[in-house]
N, C-alpha and C. Protein backbone atom coordinates (compact mmCIF):
# COMPACT_ATOMS: atom_id res chain seq x y z
N ILE A 1 151.64 98.24 248.40
CA ILE A 1 152.18 99.28 247.54
C ILE A 1 152.44 98.72 246.14
N LEU A 2 153.04 97.52 246.09
CA LEU A 2 153.30 96.92 244.77
C LEU A 2 152.00 96.58 244.04
N GLY A 3 150.99 96.16 244.78
CA GLY A 3 149.69 95.88 244.17
C GLY A 3 149.10 97.13 243.54
N CYS A 4 149.24 98.28 244.21
CA CYS A 4 148.76 99.56 243.66
C CYS A 4 149.54 99.95 242.42
N ILE A 5 150.87 99.84 242.50
CA ILE A 5 151.71 100.19 241.34
C ILE A 5 151.38 99.29 240.16
N PHE A 6 151.22 98.00 240.43
CA PHE A 6 150.88 97.05 239.37
C PHE A 6 149.53 97.38 238.76
N ALA A 7 148.57 97.77 239.59
CA ALA A 7 147.24 98.12 239.09
C ALA A 7 147.33 99.29 238.11
N PHE A 8 148.09 100.31 238.49
CA PHE A 8 148.25 101.47 237.59
C PHE A 8 148.94 101.06 236.30
N CYS A 9 150.00 100.26 236.42
CA CYS A 9 150.76 99.86 235.23
C CYS A 9 149.93 98.98 234.30
N THR A 10 149.19 98.03 234.86
CA THR A 10 148.42 97.13 234.00
C THR A 10 147.20 97.82 233.41
N GLU A 11 146.74 98.89 234.03
CA GLU A 11 145.64 99.66 233.43
C GLU A 11 146.17 100.58 232.33
N LYS A 12 147.38 101.06 232.50
CA LYS A 12 147.94 101.99 231.52
C LYS A 12 148.50 101.25 230.30
N PHE A 13 149.11 100.08 230.51
CA PHE A 13 149.74 99.34 229.44
C PHE A 13 149.03 98.01 229.22
N ILE A 14 148.31 97.90 228.13
CA ILE A 14 147.50 96.72 227.83
C ILE A 14 148.36 95.46 227.75
N LEU A 15 149.56 95.58 227.21
CA LEU A 15 150.45 94.42 227.10
C LEU A 15 150.78 93.84 228.48
N LEU A 16 151.07 94.70 229.45
CA LEU A 16 151.33 94.24 230.81
C LEU A 16 150.10 93.54 231.39
N ASN A 17 148.94 94.10 231.13
CA ASN A 17 147.70 93.50 231.61
C ASN A 17 147.51 92.10 231.03
N ARG A 18 147.73 91.96 229.72
CA ARG A 18 147.59 90.65 229.08
C ARG A 18 148.62 89.66 229.58
N LEU A 19 149.79 90.16 229.92
CA LEU A 19 150.86 89.30 230.39
C LEU A 19 150.63 88.83 231.82
N PHE A 20 150.24 89.74 232.71
CA PHE A 20 150.16 89.42 234.13
C PHE A 20 148.79 88.97 234.62
N SER A 21 147.73 89.31 233.94
CA SER A 21 146.40 88.90 234.40
C SER A 21 146.27 87.39 234.56
N PRO A 22 146.72 86.59 233.60
CA PRO A 22 146.62 85.13 233.80
C PRO A 22 147.46 84.64 234.99
N LEU A 23 148.64 85.23 235.18
CA LEU A 23 149.49 84.82 236.30
C LEU A 23 148.83 85.14 237.64
N LEU A 24 148.23 86.32 237.72
CA LEU A 24 147.58 86.69 238.97
C LEU A 24 146.32 85.87 239.20
N TYR A 25 145.66 85.48 238.12
CA TYR A 25 144.50 84.60 238.25
C TYR A 25 144.94 83.25 238.82
N ILE A 26 146.06 82.74 238.36
CA ILE A 26 146.60 81.47 238.86
C ILE A 26 146.94 81.59 240.34
N VAL A 27 147.57 82.70 240.72
CA VAL A 27 147.92 82.91 242.13
C VAL A 27 146.67 82.92 243.00
N ARG A 28 145.60 83.53 242.50
CA ARG A 28 144.35 83.59 243.28
C ARG A 28 143.69 82.23 243.42
N THR A 29 143.90 81.32 242.46
CA THR A 29 143.17 80.06 242.48
C THR A 29 143.95 78.88 243.08
N VAL A 30 145.26 78.95 243.08
CA VAL A 30 146.06 77.84 243.64
C VAL A 30 145.94 77.88 245.17
N PRO A 31 145.74 76.73 245.80
CA PRO A 31 145.62 76.68 247.27
C PRO A 31 146.88 77.22 247.96
N VAL A 32 146.66 77.87 249.10
CA VAL A 32 147.76 78.45 249.87
C VAL A 32 148.78 77.36 250.24
N ALA A 33 148.30 76.20 250.63
CA ALA A 33 149.19 75.12 251.05
C ALA A 33 150.15 74.72 249.93
N SER A 34 149.69 74.74 248.69
CA SER A 34 150.57 74.41 247.56
C SER A 34 151.72 75.39 247.45
N PHE A 35 151.42 76.67 247.60
CA PHE A 35 152.48 77.68 247.55
C PHE A 35 153.44 77.52 248.72
N ILE A 36 152.91 77.19 249.89
CA ILE A 36 153.78 77.02 251.06
C ILE A 36 154.75 75.87 250.83
N ILE A 37 154.24 74.76 250.33
CA ILE A 37 155.08 73.59 250.08
C ILE A 37 156.14 73.90 249.02
N LEU A 38 155.75 74.60 247.95
CA LEU A 38 156.73 74.98 246.94
C LEU A 38 157.77 75.96 247.51
N ALA A 39 157.31 76.88 248.34
CA ALA A 39 158.22 77.86 248.93
C ALA A 39 159.24 77.19 249.85
N LEU A 40 158.84 76.09 250.48
CA LEU A 40 159.78 75.37 251.34
C LEU A 40 161.03 74.92 250.58
N VAL A 41 160.87 74.69 249.28
CA VAL A 41 161.99 74.24 248.45
C VAL A 41 162.92 75.40 248.12
N TRP A 42 162.36 76.58 247.90
CA TRP A 42 163.13 77.69 247.35
C TRP A 42 163.53 78.77 248.34
N ILE A 43 162.81 78.90 249.43
CA ILE A 43 162.99 80.06 250.32
C ILE A 43 163.35 79.59 251.72
N HIS A 44 164.16 80.38 252.41
CA HIS A 44 164.50 80.08 253.80
C HIS A 44 163.23 80.11 254.65
N VAL A 45 163.15 79.21 255.59
CA VAL A 45 161.95 79.02 256.42
C VAL A 45 161.47 80.32 257.07
N ASP A 46 162.37 81.16 257.52
CA ASP A 46 161.98 82.38 258.22
C ASP A 46 161.26 83.39 257.31
N PHE A 47 161.47 83.29 256.01
CA PHE A 47 160.87 84.25 255.09
C PHE A 47 159.60 83.74 254.41
N ILE A 48 159.28 82.48 254.60
CA ILE A 48 158.11 81.90 253.93
C ILE A 48 156.80 82.57 254.34
N PRO A 49 156.55 82.81 255.63
CA PRO A 49 155.28 83.48 255.98
C PRO A 49 155.12 84.85 255.33
N ILE A 50 156.21 85.59 255.24
CA ILE A 50 156.15 86.91 254.59
C ILE A 50 155.85 86.76 253.11
N PHE A 51 156.55 85.84 252.47
CA PHE A 51 156.35 85.60 251.04
C PHE A 51 154.92 85.14 250.76
N ILE A 52 154.42 84.21 251.55
CA ILE A 52 153.07 83.69 251.34
C ILE A 52 152.03 84.77 251.58
N SER A 53 152.20 85.56 252.63
CA SER A 53 151.26 86.66 252.88
C SER A 53 151.25 87.63 251.71
N PHE A 54 152.44 87.99 251.22
CA PHE A 54 152.53 88.87 250.06
C PHE A 54 151.83 88.26 248.85
N LEU A 55 152.11 87.00 248.60
CA LEU A 55 151.55 86.32 247.43
C LEU A 55 150.03 86.25 247.48
N MET A 56 149.46 86.10 248.65
CA MET A 56 148.01 86.01 248.78
C MET A 56 147.35 87.39 248.74
N VAL A 57 148.05 88.40 249.21
CA VAL A 57 147.49 89.75 249.31
C VAL A 57 147.62 90.52 247.99
N PHE A 58 148.72 90.32 247.31
CA PHE A 58 149.01 91.09 246.08
C PHE A 58 147.86 91.07 245.07
N PRO A 59 147.31 89.90 244.71
CA PRO A 59 146.21 89.92 243.73
C PRO A 59 144.95 90.63 244.22
N LEU A 60 144.69 90.56 245.53
CA LEU A 60 143.53 91.26 246.08
C LEU A 60 143.65 92.77 245.91
N VAL A 61 144.81 93.29 246.29
CA VAL A 61 145.04 94.73 246.17
C VAL A 61 145.03 95.14 244.70
N TRP A 62 145.72 94.38 243.88
CA TRP A 62 145.79 94.68 242.44
C TRP A 62 144.40 94.77 241.83
N GLU A 63 143.57 93.78 242.09
CA GLU A 63 142.24 93.74 241.48
C GLU A 63 141.34 94.86 242.01
N ASN A 64 141.39 95.11 243.32
CA ASN A 64 140.57 96.18 243.90
C ASN A 64 140.96 97.55 243.36
N ILE A 65 142.25 97.83 243.32
CA ILE A 65 142.70 99.14 242.83
C ILE A 65 142.42 99.27 241.34
N ARG A 66 142.58 98.20 240.60
CA ARG A 66 142.24 98.23 239.17
C ARG A 66 140.76 98.55 238.96
N THR A 67 139.91 97.96 239.77
CA THR A 67 138.48 98.26 239.71
C THR A 67 138.24 99.72 240.04
N GLY A 68 138.95 100.23 241.04
CA GLY A 68 138.83 101.64 241.41
C GLY A 68 139.29 102.58 240.30
N ILE A 69 140.37 102.22 239.63
CA ILE A 69 140.87 103.05 238.52
C ILE A 69 139.82 103.11 237.41
N ARG A 70 139.19 101.99 237.13
CA ARG A 70 138.16 101.95 236.09
C ARG A 70 136.92 102.74 236.48
N ALA A 71 136.72 102.93 237.79
CA ALA A 71 135.53 103.63 238.27
C ALA A 71 135.71 105.14 238.36
N ILE A 72 136.92 105.63 238.14
CA ILE A 72 137.15 107.08 238.19
C ILE A 72 136.34 107.74 237.08
N ASP A 73 135.66 108.80 237.43
CA ASP A 73 134.79 109.50 236.48
C ASP A 73 135.63 110.11 235.35
N PRO A 74 135.45 109.64 234.12
CA PRO A 74 136.25 110.18 233.01
C PRO A 74 135.96 111.66 232.74
N ASN A 75 134.78 112.12 233.12
CA ASN A 75 134.46 113.54 232.94
C ASN A 75 135.35 114.43 233.81
N LEU A 76 135.67 113.94 235.01
CA LEU A 76 136.57 114.71 235.87
C LEU A 76 137.98 114.78 235.29
N ILE A 77 138.43 113.68 234.72
CA ILE A 77 139.75 113.65 234.09
C ILE A 77 139.77 114.58 232.88
N GLU A 78 138.70 114.54 232.09
CA GLU A 78 138.61 115.42 230.92
C GLU A 78 138.60 116.88 231.35
N MET A 79 137.86 117.19 232.41
CA MET A 79 137.82 118.56 232.93
C MET A 79 139.23 119.00 233.36
N ALA A 80 139.95 118.11 234.05
CA ALA A 80 141.31 118.43 234.49
C ALA A 80 142.21 118.71 233.29
N ASN A 81 142.05 117.94 232.22
CA ASN A 81 142.84 118.16 231.01
C ASN A 81 142.48 119.48 230.34
N ILE A 82 141.20 119.80 230.27
CA ILE A 82 140.75 121.05 229.65
C ILE A 82 141.31 122.25 230.40
N PHE A 83 141.27 122.19 231.73
CA PHE A 83 141.77 123.30 232.54
C PHE A 83 143.27 123.22 232.80
N ARG A 84 143.93 122.29 232.13
CA ARG A 84 145.37 122.11 232.21
C ARG A 84 145.88 121.97 233.65
N ILE A 85 145.18 121.16 234.39
CA ILE A 85 145.60 120.85 235.75
C ILE A 85 146.76 119.87 235.64
N SER A 86 147.80 120.10 236.42
CA SER A 86 148.99 119.25 236.33
C SER A 86 148.63 117.79 236.66
N HIS A 87 149.47 116.89 236.17
CA HIS A 87 149.24 115.46 236.42
C HIS A 87 149.25 115.16 237.92
N SER A 88 150.16 115.79 238.64
CA SER A 88 150.23 115.53 240.09
C SER A 88 148.99 116.05 240.81
N SER A 89 148.52 117.24 240.44
CA SER A 89 147.30 117.76 241.05
C SER A 89 146.10 116.90 240.69
N CYS A 90 146.03 116.46 239.46
CA CYS A 90 144.95 115.57 239.02
C CYS A 90 144.98 114.28 239.83
N PHE A 91 146.18 113.76 240.05
CA PHE A 91 146.29 112.52 240.81
C PHE A 91 145.83 112.73 242.25
N PHE A 92 146.33 113.78 242.91
CA PHE A 92 146.04 113.97 244.33
C PHE A 92 144.64 114.54 244.60
N LYS A 93 144.06 115.25 243.65
CA LYS A 93 142.76 115.87 243.91
C LYS A 93 141.58 115.16 243.24
N ILE A 94 141.85 114.33 242.26
CA ILE A 94 140.76 113.62 241.57
C ILE A 94 140.91 112.11 241.72
N LYS A 95 142.04 111.58 241.28
CA LYS A 95 142.20 110.12 241.24
C LYS A 95 142.31 109.50 242.63
N LEU A 96 143.18 110.05 243.48
CA LEU A 96 143.38 109.46 244.80
C LEU A 96 142.10 109.48 245.65
N PRO A 97 141.38 110.60 245.72
CA PRO A 97 140.12 110.55 246.49
C PRO A 97 139.11 109.55 245.91
N SER A 98 139.11 109.37 244.60
CA SER A 98 138.21 108.39 243.99
C SER A 98 138.64 106.97 244.32
N LEU A 99 139.94 106.75 244.46
CA LEU A 99 140.47 105.42 244.74
C LEU A 99 140.45 105.05 246.22
N PHE A 100 140.31 106.05 247.08
CA PHE A 100 140.47 105.79 248.51
C PHE A 100 139.52 104.72 249.05
N PRO A 101 138.23 104.70 248.68
CA PRO A 101 137.36 103.61 249.18
C PRO A 101 137.85 102.23 248.76
N TYR A 102 138.39 102.13 247.57
CA TYR A 102 138.93 100.85 247.09
C TYR A 102 140.20 100.48 247.85
N LEU A 103 141.00 101.48 248.16
CA LEU A 103 142.22 101.26 248.92
C LEU A 103 141.90 100.78 250.34
N ILE A 104 140.91 101.41 250.96
CA ILE A 104 140.50 101.01 252.31
C ILE A 104 139.99 99.57 252.28
N SER A 105 139.11 99.29 251.34
CA SER A 105 138.53 97.94 251.23
C SER A 105 139.61 96.89 251.01
N SER A 106 140.51 97.15 250.07
CA SER A 106 141.55 96.15 249.78
C SER A 106 142.52 96.01 250.94
N SER A 107 142.82 97.09 251.63
CA SER A 107 143.75 97.03 252.75
C SER A 107 143.19 96.21 253.90
N VAL A 108 141.93 96.46 254.24
CA VAL A 108 141.31 95.74 255.36
C VAL A 108 141.15 94.26 255.02
N THR A 109 140.67 93.97 253.82
CA THR A 109 140.52 92.57 253.39
C THR A 109 141.87 91.88 253.34
N SER A 110 142.86 92.56 252.81
CA SER A 110 144.20 91.97 252.67
C SER A 110 144.85 91.72 254.02
N LEU A 111 144.62 92.59 254.97
CA LEU A 111 145.22 92.41 256.29
C LEU A 111 144.72 91.10 256.90
N GLY A 112 143.43 90.88 256.87
CA GLY A 112 142.88 89.64 257.43
C GLY A 112 143.34 88.41 256.67
N PHE A 113 143.31 88.49 255.35
CA PHE A 113 143.69 87.34 254.54
C PHE A 113 145.19 87.07 254.65
N GLY A 114 145.99 88.11 254.65
CA GLY A 114 147.44 87.96 254.80
C GLY A 114 147.81 87.38 256.16
N TRP A 115 147.09 87.81 257.18
CA TRP A 115 147.32 87.31 258.53
C TRP A 115 147.06 85.81 258.59
N LYS A 116 145.92 85.38 258.03
CA LYS A 116 145.58 83.94 258.03
C LYS A 116 146.58 83.13 257.21
N ALA A 117 146.94 83.63 256.05
CA ALA A 117 147.89 82.92 255.18
C ALA A 117 149.26 82.82 255.85
N GLY A 118 149.66 83.89 256.53
CA GLY A 118 150.95 83.89 257.22
C GLY A 118 150.98 82.87 258.36
N ILE A 119 149.89 82.79 259.12
CA ILE A 119 149.82 81.81 260.20
C ILE A 119 149.82 80.39 259.63
N ALA A 120 149.09 80.18 258.54
CA ALA A 120 149.08 78.86 257.89
C ALA A 120 150.49 78.48 257.45
N ALA A 121 151.22 79.44 256.90
CA ALA A 121 152.60 79.18 256.48
C ALA A 121 153.47 78.84 257.69
N GLU A 122 153.24 79.55 258.79
CA GLU A 122 154.02 79.26 260.00
C GLU A 122 153.74 77.86 260.53
N VAL A 123 152.49 77.42 260.44
CA VAL A 123 152.15 76.08 260.91
C VAL A 123 152.90 75.03 260.11
N ILE A 124 153.00 75.24 258.79
CA ILE A 124 153.64 74.24 257.94
C ILE A 124 155.17 74.32 257.99
N CYS A 125 155.72 75.53 257.94
CA CYS A 125 157.19 75.63 257.86
C CYS A 125 157.85 75.81 259.23
N ARG A 126 157.10 76.15 260.26
CA ARG A 126 157.54 76.17 261.65
C ARG A 126 158.78 77.04 261.93
N PRO A 127 158.76 78.32 261.57
CA PRO A 127 159.91 79.16 261.95
C PRO A 127 159.92 79.36 263.47
N LEU A 128 161.10 79.57 264.02
CA LEU A 128 161.23 79.79 265.47
C LEU A 128 160.42 81.01 265.90
N PHE A 129 159.91 80.97 267.12
CA PHE A 129 159.21 82.09 267.74
C PHE A 129 158.00 82.56 266.93
N SER A 130 157.26 81.63 266.36
CA SER A 130 156.07 82.01 265.59
C SER A 130 154.82 81.42 266.22
N ILE A 131 153.72 82.09 266.02
CA ILE A 131 152.44 81.61 266.53
C ILE A 131 152.07 80.28 265.86
N GLY A 132 152.31 80.18 264.57
CA GLY A 132 152.01 78.94 263.85
C GLY A 132 152.75 77.75 264.42
N ARG A 133 153.99 77.95 264.78
CA ARG A 133 154.78 76.86 265.39
C ARG A 133 154.17 76.45 266.72
N GLN A 134 153.76 77.45 267.51
CA GLN A 134 153.14 77.16 268.81
C GLN A 134 151.82 76.41 268.63
N LEU A 135 151.06 76.80 267.62
CA LEU A 135 149.81 76.09 267.32
C LEU A 135 150.08 74.63 266.94
N GLN A 136 151.06 74.44 266.07
CA GLN A 136 151.41 73.08 265.63
C GLN A 136 151.92 72.23 266.79
N ASP A 137 152.75 72.81 267.65
CA ASP A 137 153.24 72.07 268.82
C ASP A 137 152.09 71.69 269.75
N ALA A 138 151.17 72.61 269.99
CA ALA A 138 150.02 72.33 270.85
C ALA A 138 149.17 71.21 270.25
N LYS A 139 149.01 71.22 268.94
CA LYS A 139 148.26 70.14 268.26
C LYS A 139 148.97 68.81 268.40
N THR A 140 150.28 68.84 268.21
CA THR A 140 151.07 67.61 268.30
C THR A 140 150.97 66.97 269.67
N TYR A 141 150.98 67.80 270.71
CA TYR A 141 150.91 67.29 272.09
C TYR A 141 149.47 67.17 272.60
N LEU A 142 148.51 67.33 271.69
CA LEU A 142 147.09 67.22 272.03
C LEU A 142 146.70 68.14 273.18
N ASP A 143 147.28 69.32 273.18
CA ASP A 143 147.01 70.32 274.22
C ASP A 143 145.91 71.27 273.72
N THR A 144 144.68 70.80 273.80
CA THR A 144 143.53 71.54 273.26
C THR A 144 143.38 72.93 273.86
N PRO A 145 143.53 73.10 275.19
CA PRO A 145 143.41 74.46 275.73
C PRO A 145 144.45 75.43 275.13
N GLU A 146 145.65 74.92 274.89
CA GLU A 146 146.68 75.77 274.30
C GLU A 146 146.35 76.13 272.84
N VAL A 147 145.78 75.17 272.11
CA VAL A 147 145.34 75.46 270.74
C VAL A 147 144.31 76.58 270.76
N PHE A 148 143.34 76.48 271.68
CA PHE A 148 142.33 77.52 271.79
C PHE A 148 142.95 78.86 272.21
N ALA A 149 143.92 78.81 273.13
CA ALA A 149 144.57 80.04 273.59
C ALA A 149 145.32 80.72 272.45
N TRP A 150 146.07 79.96 271.65
CA TRP A 150 146.79 80.55 270.52
C TRP A 150 145.82 81.04 269.45
N THR A 151 144.74 80.31 269.25
CA THR A 151 143.73 80.74 268.28
C THR A 151 143.10 82.05 268.74
N LEU A 152 142.78 82.15 270.01
CA LEU A 152 142.22 83.39 270.56
C LEU A 152 143.22 84.53 270.43
N THR A 153 144.49 84.24 270.65
CA THR A 153 145.54 85.25 270.48
C THR A 153 145.57 85.77 269.04
N VAL A 154 145.48 84.85 268.10
CA VAL A 154 145.46 85.24 266.68
C VAL A 154 144.25 86.12 266.37
N VAL A 155 143.09 85.74 266.88
CA VAL A 155 141.86 86.50 266.64
C VAL A 155 141.98 87.90 267.24
N ILE A 156 142.45 87.98 268.48
CA ILE A 156 142.57 89.29 269.14
C ILE A 156 143.56 90.18 268.40
N LEU A 157 144.72 89.63 268.05
CA LEU A 157 145.70 90.42 267.30
C LEU A 157 145.15 90.87 265.95
N SER A 158 144.44 89.99 265.29
CA SER A 158 143.86 90.33 263.99
C SER A 158 142.84 91.47 264.12
N VAL A 159 141.97 91.37 265.12
CA VAL A 159 140.96 92.41 265.34
C VAL A 159 141.63 93.74 265.67
N LEU A 160 142.64 93.71 266.54
CA LEU A 160 143.34 94.95 266.92
C LEU A 160 144.05 95.58 265.72
N LEU A 161 144.72 94.75 264.92
CA LEU A 161 145.40 95.28 263.74
C LEU A 161 144.39 95.86 262.74
N GLU A 162 143.27 95.17 262.55
CA GLU A 162 142.26 95.67 261.62
C GLU A 162 141.68 96.99 262.09
N LYS A 163 141.38 97.11 263.38
CA LYS A 163 140.85 98.37 263.92
C LYS A 163 141.88 99.50 263.78
N ALA A 164 143.14 99.19 264.06
CA ALA A 164 144.19 100.20 263.93
C ALA A 164 144.33 100.65 262.47
N LEU A 165 144.30 99.71 261.55
CA LEU A 165 144.41 100.05 260.13
C LEU A 165 143.22 100.90 259.68
N LYS A 166 142.01 100.50 260.07
CA LYS A 166 140.82 101.27 259.69
C LYS A 166 140.89 102.68 260.25
N ALA A 167 141.29 102.81 261.51
CA ALA A 167 141.40 104.14 262.14
C ALA A 167 142.42 104.99 261.40
N PHE A 168 143.56 104.40 261.09
CA PHE A 168 144.60 105.14 260.36
C PHE A 168 144.11 105.58 258.99
N LEU A 169 143.52 104.67 258.24
CA LEU A 169 143.06 105.00 256.89
C LEU A 169 141.93 106.02 256.90
N HIS A 170 140.99 105.88 257.83
CA HIS A 170 139.89 106.84 257.89
C HIS A 170 140.37 108.21 258.35
N ARG A 171 141.34 108.21 259.27
CA ARG A 171 141.91 109.49 259.70
C ARG A 171 142.63 110.17 258.54
N TYR A 172 143.40 109.38 257.79
CA TYR A 172 144.10 109.93 256.63
C TYR A 172 143.10 110.42 255.59
N GLN A 173 142.06 109.64 255.37
CA GLN A 173 141.05 110.03 254.38
C GLN A 173 140.37 111.33 254.80
N ASN A 174 140.01 111.44 256.08
CA ASN A 174 139.35 112.65 256.55
C ASN A 174 140.28 113.86 256.49
N SER A 175 141.53 113.69 256.89
CA SER A 175 142.47 114.82 256.83
C SER A 175 142.76 115.20 255.38
N PHE A 176 142.77 114.21 254.49
CA PHE A 176 143.00 114.46 253.07
C PHE A 176 141.88 115.32 252.49
N HIS A 177 140.64 114.98 252.81
CA HIS A 177 139.50 115.75 252.30
C HIS A 177 139.45 117.14 252.94
N LEU A 178 139.81 117.25 254.22
CA LEU A 178 139.81 118.55 254.87
C LEU A 178 140.83 119.48 254.23
N LYS A 179 142.00 118.95 253.87
CA LYS A 179 143.01 119.77 253.20
C LYS A 179 142.50 120.27 251.87
N ASP A 180 141.80 119.42 251.12
CA ASP A 180 141.24 119.82 249.84
C ASP A 180 140.21 120.93 250.01
N VAL A 181 139.35 120.80 251.02
CA VAL A 181 138.32 121.81 251.26
C VAL A 181 138.96 123.12 251.66
N LYS A 182 139.98 123.07 252.54
CA LYS A 182 140.66 124.28 252.99
C LYS A 182 141.35 124.97 251.82
N SER A 183 142.02 124.20 250.96
CA SER A 183 142.74 124.81 249.85
C SER A 183 141.76 125.40 248.81
N GLU A 184 140.59 124.82 248.67
CA GLU A 184 139.62 125.36 247.73
C GLU A 184 139.00 126.64 248.25
N ASN A 185 138.85 126.73 249.59
CA ASN A 185 138.25 127.94 250.19
C ASN A 185 139.23 129.09 250.26
N SER A 186 140.52 128.81 250.16
CA SER A 186 141.53 129.87 250.29
C SER A 186 141.57 130.76 249.08
């Protein structure tokens, strides 16, 4: 959600774009492990995986949605202005449907990347009751079958979450378009 809000703000206000683009570029290029180690100094161990997942996902969503905003057909926006369509109607009937493919793409990509980054953070900072801690313990005790079992668990959970997210987003997208068609036919 913050990545989407940031994308809109940085596209609307050039100063914000100039200010935050270099910072987000740095976040995209610095290794995840570096952020985890720095976070160990500043953040409680239990919150590091969440922070790291957010930090890795935010630039992906921001960049994808920004690309989507730039791809919106300016002729449709001009038409909406000529016919004095309200800003909210323009957003929900023109901009949001145009952005939806970018939102789906960024959400699915971010889910996988955030999941991996979160597990990596758990391996390093070892919060209680985490998969990363279990992986690290299995590695420490040279318990190869357990490492494979936890890795398989991560893969299965990731696949299930990705399928659930895709189903939810596609269902929402389809119901969104059906509502538009119904309201136009009325």
